[in-house]
């Protein structure tokens, strides 16, 4: 990893990185929109619904929402947002990434992201340079994560 003169990255377990991201994403939520919609609108994290081009978006969501020949992408995103938010509420989870549908859903939640992607998201949202490791013994060397408040 190239040094930019800042502090060296710390090693976090995958679980610690996810907990830090969950906290940050939950703080950004207004309770009226899913995490996916917030990420899409702000262009953060995985970019939510906007990470997929139109074709892939429709392919991923048609199993959940069905197919439409008359709805626009923004209208389908609104339906997807309502569906995702209802999944969060039904499963009593703070962010969409925690909601796992019994049916095969459009996104695999946290499993969708590699350790490298989680590290990038931690730098972006948490404000910490981290290396994410699968090892459950990897930790912040006695230092709990501290989310940057904005």
C-alpha atoms as a PDB file:
ATOM      1  CA  UNK A   1       0.000   0.000   0.000  1.00  0.00           C
ATOM      2  CA  UNK A   2       1.413   3.377  -1.015  1.00  0.00           C
ATOM      3  CA  UNK A   3       2.061   5.836   1.816  1.00  0.00           C
ATOM      4  CA  UNK A   4       0.502   9.268   1.616  1.00  0.00           C
ATOM      5  CA  UNK A   5       2.253  10.563   4.713  1.00  0.00           C
ATOM      6  CA  UNK A   6      -0.733   9.822   6.963  1.00  0.00           C
ATOM      7  CA  UNK A   7      -0.884   7.264   9.722  1.00  0.00           C
ATOM      8  CA  UNK A   8      -0.401   3.670   8.645  1.00  0.00           C
ATOM      9  CA  UNK A   9      -3.552   1.606   8.198  1.00  0.00           C
ATOM     10  CA  UNK A  10      -4.766  -0.528  11.075  1.00  0.00           C
ATOM     11  CA  UNK A  11      -6.003  -4.079  10.656  1.00  0.00           C
ATOM     12  CA  UNK A  12      -9.662  -4.674  11.389  1.00  0.00           C
ATOM     13  CA  UNK A  13     -11.598  -7.889  11.246  1.00  0.00           C
ATOM     14  CA  UNK A  14     -14.329  -8.039   8.664  1.00  0.00           C
ATOM     15  CA  UNK A  15     -16.863  -7.893  11.508  1.00  0.00           C
ATOM     16  CA  UNK A  16     -15.286  -4.713  12.932  1.00  0.00           C
ATOM     17  CA  UNK A  17     -15.262  -3.015   9.529  1.00  0.00           C
ATOM     18  CA  UNK A  18     -18.910  -3.933   8.946  1.00  0.00           C
ATOM     19  CA  UNK A  19     -19.870  -2.665  12.415  1.00  0.00           C
ATOM     20  CA  UNK A  20     -18.147   0.668  11.727  1.00  0.00           C
ATOM     21  CA  UNK A  21     -19.824   1.003   8.321  1.00  0.00           C
ATOM     22  CA  UNK A  22     -23.196   0.016   9.755  1.00  0.00           C
ATOM     23  CA  UNK A  23     -22.916   2.765  12.361  1.00  0.00           C
ATOM     24  CA  UNK A  24     -22.003   5.405   9.761  1.00  0.00           C
ATOM     25  CA  UNK A  25     -24.682   4.331   7.298  1.00  0.00           C
ATOM     26  CA  UNK A  26     -27.324   4.246  10.026  1.00  0.00           C
ATOM     27  CA  UNK A  27     -26.426   7.824  11.000  1.00  0.00           C
ATOM     28  CA  UNK A  28     -26.962   8.946   7.402  1.00  0.00           C
ATOM     29  CA  UNK A  29     -30.396   7.325   7.186  1.00  0.00           C
ATOM     30  CA  UNK A  30     -33.525   9.370   7.675  1.00  0.00           C
ATOM     31  CA  UNK A  31     -35.776   6.375   8.347  1.00  0.00           C
ATOM     32  CA  UNK A  32     -37.778   7.212   5.223  1.00  0.00           C
ATOM     33  CA  UNK A  33     -35.347   5.771   2.664  1.00  0.00           C
ATOM     34  CA  UNK A  34     -33.361   2.577   2.461  1.00  0.00           C
ATOM     35  CA  UNK A  35     -29.604   2.530   2.765  1.00  0.00           C
ATOM     36  CA  UNK A  36     -29.531   1.754  -0.963  1.00  0.00           C
ATOM     37  CA  UNK A  37     -31.365   4.966  -1.811  1.00  0.00           C
ATOM     38  CA  UNK A  38     -29.212   7.086   0.527  1.00  0.00           C
ATOM     39  CA  UNK A  39     -26.039   5.630  -1.012  1.00  0.00           C
ATOM     40  CA  UNK A  40     -27.404   6.259  -4.528  1.00  0.00           C
ATOM     41  CA  UNK A  41     -28.410   9.862  -3.826  1.00  0.00           C
ATOM     42  CA  UNK A  42     -25.137  10.738  -2.112  1.00  0.00           C
ATOM     43  CA  UNK A  43     -22.869   8.745  -4.425  1.00  0.00           C
ATOM     44  CA  UNK A  44     -21.277   7.006  -1.436  1.00  0.00           C
ATOM     45  CA  UNK A  45     -20.511   3.503  -0.288  1.00  0.00           C
ATOM     46  CA  UNK A  46     -21.567   1.010  -2.990  1.00  0.00           C
ATOM     47  CA  UNK A  47     -23.621   3.725  -4.766  1.00  0.00           C
ATOM     48  CA  UNK A  48     -26.803   1.779  -3.979  1.00  0.00           C
ATOM     49  CA  UNK A  49     -29.197   1.426  -6.902  1.00  0.00           C
ATOM     50  CA  UNK A  50     -26.938   3.526  -9.122  1.00  0.00           C
ATOM     51  CA  UNK A  51     -24.086   1.015  -9.172  1.00  0.00           C
ATOM     52  CA  UNK A  52     -25.889  -0.934 -11.896  1.00  0.00           C
ATOM     53  CA  UNK A  53     -26.535   0.157 -15.460  1.00  0.00           C
ATOM     54  CA  UNK A  54     -30.184   0.050 -16.583  1.00  0.00           C
ATOM     55  CA  UNK A  55     -30.015  -3.496 -17.944  1.00  0.00           C
ATOM     56  CA  UNK A  56     -28.365  -4.979 -14.850  1.00  0.00           C
ATOM     57  CA  UNK A  57     -30.659  -3.011 -12.539  1.00  0.00           C
ATOM     58  CA  UNK A  58     -33.737  -4.442 -14.266  1.00  0.00           C
ATOM     59  CA  UNK A  59     -32.249  -7.960 -14.317  1.00  0.00           C
ATOM     60  CA  UNK A  60     -31.514  -7.867 -10.598  1.00  0.00           C
ATOM     61  CA  UNK A  61     -34.825  -6.365  -9.514  1.00  0.00           C
ATOM     62  CA  UNK A  62     -37.325  -8.081 -11.820  1.00  0.00           C
ATOM     63  CA  UNK A  63     -37.491 -11.178  -9.598  1.00  0.00           C
ATOM     64  CA  UNK A  64     -38.585  -8.993  -6.687  1.00  0.00           C
ATOM     65  CA  UNK A  65     -40.605  -6.282  -8.424  1.00  0.00           C
ATOM     66  CA  UNK A  66     -41.667  -7.938 -11.655  1.00  0.00           C
ATOM     67  CA  UNK A  67     -41.206  -6.516 -15.123  1.00  0.00           C
ATOM     68  CA  UNK A  68     -42.697  -3.297 -16.409  1.00  0.00           C
ATOM     69  CA  UNK A  69     -42.814  -1.818 -19.864  1.00  0.00           C
ATOM     70  CA  UNK A  70     -44.077   1.575 -18.757  1.00  0.00           C
ATOM     71  CA  UNK A  71     -42.244   2.505 -15.545  1.00  0.00           C
ATOM     72  CA  UNK A  72     -39.133   4.666 -15.737  1.00  0.00           C
ATOM     73  CA  UNK A  73     -35.897   3.830 -13.936  1.00  0.00           C
ATOM     74  CA  UNK A  74     -36.581   6.464 -11.212  1.00  0.00           C
ATOM     75  CA  UNK A  75     -40.050   4.975 -10.661  1.00  0.00           C
ATOM     76  CA  UNK A  76     -38.638   1.466 -10.366  1.00  0.00           C
ATOM     77  CA  UNK A  77     -35.944   2.770  -7.982  1.00  0.00           C
ATOM     78  CA  UNK A  78     -38.728   4.221  -5.825  1.00  0.00           C
ATOM     79  CA  UNK A  79     -40.405   0.807  -5.674  1.00  0.00           C
ATOM     80  CA  UNK A  80     -37.057  -0.872  -4.961  1.00  0.00           C
ATOM     81  CA  UNK A  81     -36.428   1.656  -2.185  1.00  0.00           C
ATOM     82  CA  UNK A  82     -39.803   0.907  -0.581  1.00  0.00           C
ATOM     83  CA  UNK A  83     -39.198  -2.841  -0.878  1.00  0.00           C
ATOM     84  CA  UNK A  84     -35.698  -2.553   0.614  1.00  0.00           C
ATOM     85  CA  UNK A  85     -36.909  -0.313   3.455  1.00  0.00           C
ATOM     86  CA  UNK A  86     -39.737  -2.742   4.225  1.00  0.00           C
ATOM     87  CA  UNK A  87     -37.164  -5.573   4.386  1.00  0.00           C
ATOM     88  CA  UNK A  88     -35.075  -3.532   6.842  1.00  0.00           C
ATOM     89  CA  UNK A  89     -38.141  -2.887   9.006  1.00  0.00           C
ATOM     90  CA  UNK A  90     -39.498  -6.439   8.785  1.00  0.00           C
ATOM     91  CA  UNK A  91     -36.145  -7.900   9.814  1.00  0.00           C
ATOM     92  CA  UNK A  92     -35.447  -5.177  12.420  1.00  0.00           C
ATOM     93  CA  UNK A  93     -32.048  -4.370  10.963  1.00  0.00           C
ATOM     94  CA  UNK A  94     -30.475  -0.904  10.798  1.00  0.00           C
ATOM     95  CA  UNK A  95     -29.180  -1.005   7.212  1.00  0.00           C
ATOM     96  CA  UNK A  96     -30.211  -2.745   4.007  1.00  0.00           C
ATOM     97  CA  UNK A  97     -26.961  -4.722   3.888  1.00  0.00           C
ATOM     98  CA  UNK A  98     -28.156  -6.627   6.965  1.00  0.00           C
ATOM     99  CA  UNK A  99     -31.508  -7.593   5.419  1.00  0.00           C
ATOM    100  CA  UNK A 100     -31.387 -10.983   3.785  1.00  0.00           C
ATOM    101  CA  UNK A 101     -34.493 -11.982   1.940  1.00  0.00           C
ATOM    102  CA  UNK A 102     -35.626 -15.578   2.050  1.00  0.00           C
ATOM    103  CA  UNK A 103     -35.832 -15.336  -1.713  1.00  0.00           C
ATOM    104  CA  UNK A 104     -32.757 -14.668  -3.734  1.00  0.00           C
ATOM    105  CA  UNK A 105     -32.541 -10.884  -3.693  1.00  0.00           C
ATOM    106  CA  UNK A 106     -30.947  -8.342  -5.982  1.00  0.00           C
ATOM    107  CA  UNK A 107     -27.981  -7.846  -3.633  1.00  0.00           C
ATOM    108  CA  UNK A 108     -26.137 -10.206  -1.297  1.00  0.00           C
ATOM    109  CA  UNK A 109     -25.716  -7.606   1.429  1.00  0.00           C
ATOM    110  CA  UNK A 110     -22.346  -7.551   3.144  1.00  0.00           C
ATOM    111  CA  UNK A 111     -21.340 -10.695   1.244  1.00  0.00           C
ATOM    112  CA  UNK A 112     -21.436  -8.594  -1.935  1.00  0.00           C
ATOM    113  CA  UNK A 113     -18.254  -6.799  -0.828  1.00  0.00           C
ATOM    114  CA  UNK A 114     -14.661  -7.985  -0.820  1.00  0.00           C
ATOM    115  CA  UNK A 115     -12.377  -7.086   2.075  1.00  0.00           C
ATOM    116  CA  UNK A 116     -10.698  -4.530  -0.194  1.00  0.00           C
ATOM    117  CA  UNK A 117     -14.047  -2.895  -0.967  1.00  0.00           C
ATOM    118  CA  UNK A 118     -14.889  -2.751   2.756  1.00  0.00           C
ATOM    119  CA  UNK A 119     -11.503  -1.079   3.396  1.00  0.00           C
ATOM    120  CA  UNK A 120     -12.278   1.566   0.723  1.00  0.00           C
ATOM    121  CA  UNK A 121     -15.696   2.196   2.237  1.00  0.00           C
ATOM    122  CA  UNK A 122     -14.150   2.536   5.714  1.00  0.00           C
ATOM    123  CA  UNK A 123     -11.744   5.175   4.382  1.00  0.00           C
ATOM    124  CA  UNK A 124     -14.638   7.011   2.722  1.00  0.00           C
ATOM    125  CA  UNK A 125     -17.261   6.832   5.485  1.00  0.00           C
ATOM    126  CA  UNK A 126     -15.422   6.137   8.725  1.00  0.00           C
ATOM    127  CA  UNK A 127     -12.388   8.231   7.894  1.00  0.00           C
ATOM    128  CA  UNK A 128      -9.909   5.476   8.796  1.00  0.00           C
ATOM    129  CA  UNK A 129      -7.347   3.717   6.636  1.00  0.00           C
ATOM    130  CA  UNK A 130      -7.792   0.049   7.398  1.00  0.00           C
ATOM    131  CA  UNK A 131      -6.834  -3.350   6.112  1.00  0.00           C
ATOM    132  CA  UNK A 132      -9.737  -5.757   6.450  1.00  0.00           C
ATOM    133  CA  UNK A 133      -8.872  -9.336   7.353  1.00  0.00           C
ATOM    134  CA  UNK A 134     -11.046 -12.431   7.586  1.00  0.00           C
ATOM    135  CA  UNK A 135      -9.170 -13.532  10.709  1.00  0.00           C
ATOM    136  CA  UNK A 136     -11.501 -13.088  13.666  1.00  0.00           C
ATOM    137  CA  UNK A 137      -8.441 -12.296  15.813  1.00  0.00           C
ATOM    138  CA  UNK A 138      -7.607  -9.262  13.688  1.00  0.00           C
ATOM    139  CA  UNK A 139      -8.603  -6.208  15.632  1.00  0.00           C
ATOM    140  CA  UNK A 140      -7.776  -2.595  16.033  1.00  0.00           C
ATOM    141  CA  UNK A 141      -4.885  -3.426  18.335  1.00  0.00           C
ATOM    142  CA  UNK A 142      -6.784  -2.433  21.447  1.00  0.00           C
ATOM    143  CA  UNK A 143      -8.299   0.637  19.821  1.00  0.00           C
ATOM    144  CA  UNK A 144     -12.045   0.659  19.102  1.00  0.00           C
ATOM    145  CA  UNK A 145     -13.153   2.272  15.863  1.00  0.00           C
ATOM    146  CA  UNK A 146     -14.171   5.897  16.084  1.00  0.00           C
ATOM    147  CA  UNK A 147     -16.483   7.154  13.392  1.00  0.00           C
ATOM    148  CA  UNK A 148     -15.916  10.686  12.252  1.00  0.00           C
ATOM    149  CA  UNK A 149     -18.996  12.745  12.948  1.00  0.00           C
ATOM    150  CA  UNK A 150     -19.951  15.142  10.221  1.00  0.00           C
END
